[in-house]
Protein backbone atom coordinates (compact mmCIF):
# COMPACT_ATOMS: atom_id res chain seq x y z
CA MET A 1 129.09 90.84 71.76
CA GLU A 2 130.04 94.33 70.63
CA ILE A 3 132.50 94.47 67.76
CA LYS A 4 134.89 97.40 67.39
CA ILE A 5 136.50 98.08 64.02
CA LYS A 6 139.49 100.41 64.00
CA ARG A 7 139.36 103.29 61.51
CA ASN A 8 141.69 103.06 58.55
CA THR A 9 142.67 105.30 55.64
CA LEU A 10 139.72 104.15 53.51
CA ASP A 11 137.33 105.15 56.30
CA ILE A 12 138.82 108.66 56.33
CA VAL A 13 138.78 108.98 52.52
CA GLU A 14 135.19 107.70 52.37
CA ALA A 15 134.07 110.14 55.07
CA ILE A 16 135.70 113.09 53.28
CA VAL A 17 134.40 112.16 49.82
CA SER A 18 130.91 111.41 51.15
CA LEU A 19 130.68 114.70 53.03
CA LEU A 20 132.07 116.60 50.03
CA CYS A 21 129.32 115.07 47.87
CA LEU A 22 126.62 115.87 50.43
CA VAL A 23 127.71 119.38 51.35
CA GLY A 24 129.03 120.18 47.88
CA VAL A 25 125.74 119.51 46.10
CA VAL A 26 123.80 121.58 48.67
CA VAL A 27 126.24 124.49 48.35
CA TYR A 28 126.15 124.16 44.56
CA LEU A 29 122.33 124.25 44.48
CA ILE A 30 122.21 127.29 46.76
CA ALA A 31 124.82 129.14 44.70
CA ALA A 32 123.35 128.19 41.31
CA TRP A 33 119.63 128.28 42.16
CA SER A 34 118.88 131.58 40.42
CA HIS A 35 120.57 130.34 37.22
CA ILE A 36 118.84 126.96 37.07
CA PRO A 37 115.99 126.87 34.53
CA ASP A 38 112.44 126.34 35.79
CA GLN A 39 112.18 123.04 33.86
CA ILE A 40 114.92 120.47 34.36
CA PRO A 41 115.40 116.79 33.49
CA ALA A 42 113.66 114.85 36.25
CA HIS A 43 114.23 111.28 35.06
CA PHE A 44 116.54 109.52 32.63
CA ASN A 45 116.20 106.21 30.79
CA ALA A 46 118.97 103.61 30.64
CA ALA A 47 120.52 105.36 27.62
CA GLY A 48 120.79 108.60 29.59
CA GLU A 49 118.00 110.34 27.66
CA VAL A 50 115.54 112.54 29.49
CA ASN A 51 112.15 110.83 29.71
CA ARG A 52 110.50 113.17 32.22
CA TRP A 53 110.83 116.87 32.87
CA GLY A 54 110.03 118.55 36.14
CA SER A 55 110.35 121.80 38.04
CA LYS A 56 113.68 122.85 39.46
CA SER A 57 112.30 122.34 42.96
CA GLU A 58 112.60 118.59 42.28
CA LEU A 59 116.38 119.03 42.48
CA ILE A 60 115.99 119.15 46.24
CA VAL A 61 114.77 115.54 46.39
CA LEU A 62 118.06 113.76 45.58
CA PRO A 63 120.13 115.65 48.18
CA ILE A 64 117.48 114.86 50.80
CA ILE A 65 117.54 111.18 49.84
CA SER A 66 121.35 111.32 49.91
CA TRP A 67 121.43 112.72 53.45
CA VAL A 68 118.92 110.11 54.65
CA LEU A 69 120.89 107.26 53.03
CA TYR A 70 124.14 108.62 54.45
CA GLY A 71 122.67 108.75 57.94
CA PHE A 72 121.10 105.31 57.71
CA ILE A 73 124.17 103.58 56.26
CA THR A 74 126.48 105.36 58.70
CA LEU A 75 124.28 104.12 61.55
CA ILE A 76 124.39 100.56 60.20
CA GLU A 77 128.19 100.78 59.94
CA ARG A 78 128.36 101.34 63.69
CA PHE A 79 126.70 98.00 64.49
CA PRO A 80 128.69 95.28 62.70
CA GLN A 81 127.23 92.60 64.96
CA ALA A 82 123.96 93.09 63.04
CA TRP A 83 125.57 92.47 59.63
CA ASN A 84 124.94 89.26 57.74
CA THR A 85 128.49 88.33 56.75
CA GLY A 86 127.68 85.57 54.27
CA VAL A 87 130.77 83.67 55.47
CA THR A 88 131.75 81.68 58.51
CA VAL A 89 133.14 84.03 61.16
CA THR A 90 135.61 82.60 63.64
CA GLU A 91 137.69 84.22 66.37
CA GLU A 92 140.71 84.01 64.04
CA ASN A 93 139.08 85.76 61.05
CA ARG A 94 136.59 88.03 62.83
CA ALA A 95 138.68 91.24 62.54
CA ARG A 96 139.48 90.65 58.85
CA VAL A 97 135.88 89.76 57.93
CA TYR A 98 134.38 92.83 59.58
CA ARG A 99 137.08 95.15 58.17
CA ILE A 100 136.40 93.88 54.64
CA LEU A 101 132.64 94.31 55.09
CA LYS A 102 133.09 97.81 56.51
CA ASN A 103 135.26 98.70 53.51
CA MET A 104 132.58 97.37 51.15
CA ILE A 105 129.84 99.36 52.85
CA ALA A 106 131.99 102.51 52.78
CA VAL A 107 132.76 102.18 49.06
CA ILE A 108 129.12 101.50 48.11
CA LYS A 109 127.96 104.45 50.22
CA MET A 110 130.53 106.72 48.58
CA LEU A 111 129.52 105.57 45.07
CA MET A 112 125.80 106.14 45.76
CA LEU A 113 126.41 109.64 47.07
CA ALA A 114 128.65 110.53 44.13
CA VAL A 115 126.02 109.31 41.66
CA PHE A 116 123.21 111.25 43.34
CA ALA A 117 125.34 114.40 43.44
CA SER A 118 126.36 114.08 39.78
CA ILE A 119 122.77 113.46 38.63
CA THR A 120 121.64 116.53 40.59
CA VAL A 121 124.31 118.70 38.94
CA LEU A 122 123.70 117.31 35.44
CA SER A 123 119.95 117.87 35.82
CA SER A 124 120.49 121.44 37.02
CA LEU A 125 122.59 122.08 33.91
CA VAL A 126 119.85 120.50 31.74
CA LEU A 127 122.26 117.90 30.42
CA ARG A 128 121.49 114.33 29.54
CA LEU A 129 123.50 111.59 31.18
CA PRO A 130 126.43 110.36 29.09
CA ILE A 131 125.72 107.06 27.33
CA TRP A 132 128.40 105.36 29.45
CA TYR A 133 127.05 106.67 32.78
CA LEU A 134 124.79 103.76 33.79
CA GLY A 135 127.29 101.13 32.66
CA VAL A 136 130.16 102.71 34.57
CA PHE A 137 128.03 103.10 37.70
CA LEU A 138 126.82 99.48 37.59
CA LEU A 139 130.34 98.23 36.89
CA ALA A 140 131.68 100.25 39.82
CA VAL A 141 129.01 98.97 42.22
CA PHE A 142 128.98 95.32 41.19
CA GLY A 143 132.73 95.28 40.57
CA SER A 144 133.26 96.59 44.10
CA ILE A 145 130.91 94.00 45.55
CA ALA A 146 132.67 91.19 43.63
CA PHE A 147 136.07 92.47 44.79
CA PHE A 148 135.04 92.52 48.46
CA VAL A 149 133.25 89.17 48.29
CA ALA A 150 136.42 87.64 46.81
CA GLN A 151 138.41 89.21 49.67
CA LEU A 152 135.95 87.74 52.17
CA LYS A 153 136.24 84.28 50.66
CA ARG A 154 140.04 84.51 50.72
CA ALA A 155 140.06 85.78 54.31
CA THR A 156 137.91 82.90 55.50
CA GLY A 157 139.32 80.18 53.28
CA GLU A 158 135.87 79.50 51.87
CA SER A 159 135.37 78.46 48.28
CA THR A 160 133.96 80.99 45.85
CA GLN A 161 131.64 78.20 44.68
CA THR A 162 128.43 77.62 46.55
CA GLY A 163 128.54 74.88 49.09
CA GLY A 164 130.17 76.40 52.15
CA PRO A 165 133.65 76.19 53.55
CA SER A 166 136.41 74.84 51.38
CA ASP A 167 137.45 71.38 52.49
CA GLY A 168 140.14 70.95 49.88
CA GLN A 169 138.10 68.37 47.99
CA PRO A 170 137.38 68.88 44.29
CA ARG A 171 133.78 69.67 43.50
């Protein structure tokens, strides 16, 4: 059965922000290319310190990966019937469940693209990542996932504990 999910405001915001990240970083690299040093930070450790240097041509890799991820995730978004929901889907909750999952996918996609774009720009400016960068990124990703999983559980009436649908009995 084909599932159609109506577009909402978050879909529009995600599309705009994602495309701004994708196009913006490409335009930035084209405009700044002659001013980017030949050696740039190519890898960072968890503290944001540079632990590998590379040529400025390596800056092209993250935007390419970003475009591929964007295309792949956007394609997956169009086929919700292939998603593993992790909750019991009924006729009554189907629309809510798939809307919540689409929102989660959109937010995670937007966060990934923003991170790749910011790392590309910071590397081109030969700056280390701020000490808080990894923590904020991980908190944003896992916080978003936790938020949407909680919404899913609420929408389906399932317990947030393992063990399946909530039957009202104490565990």
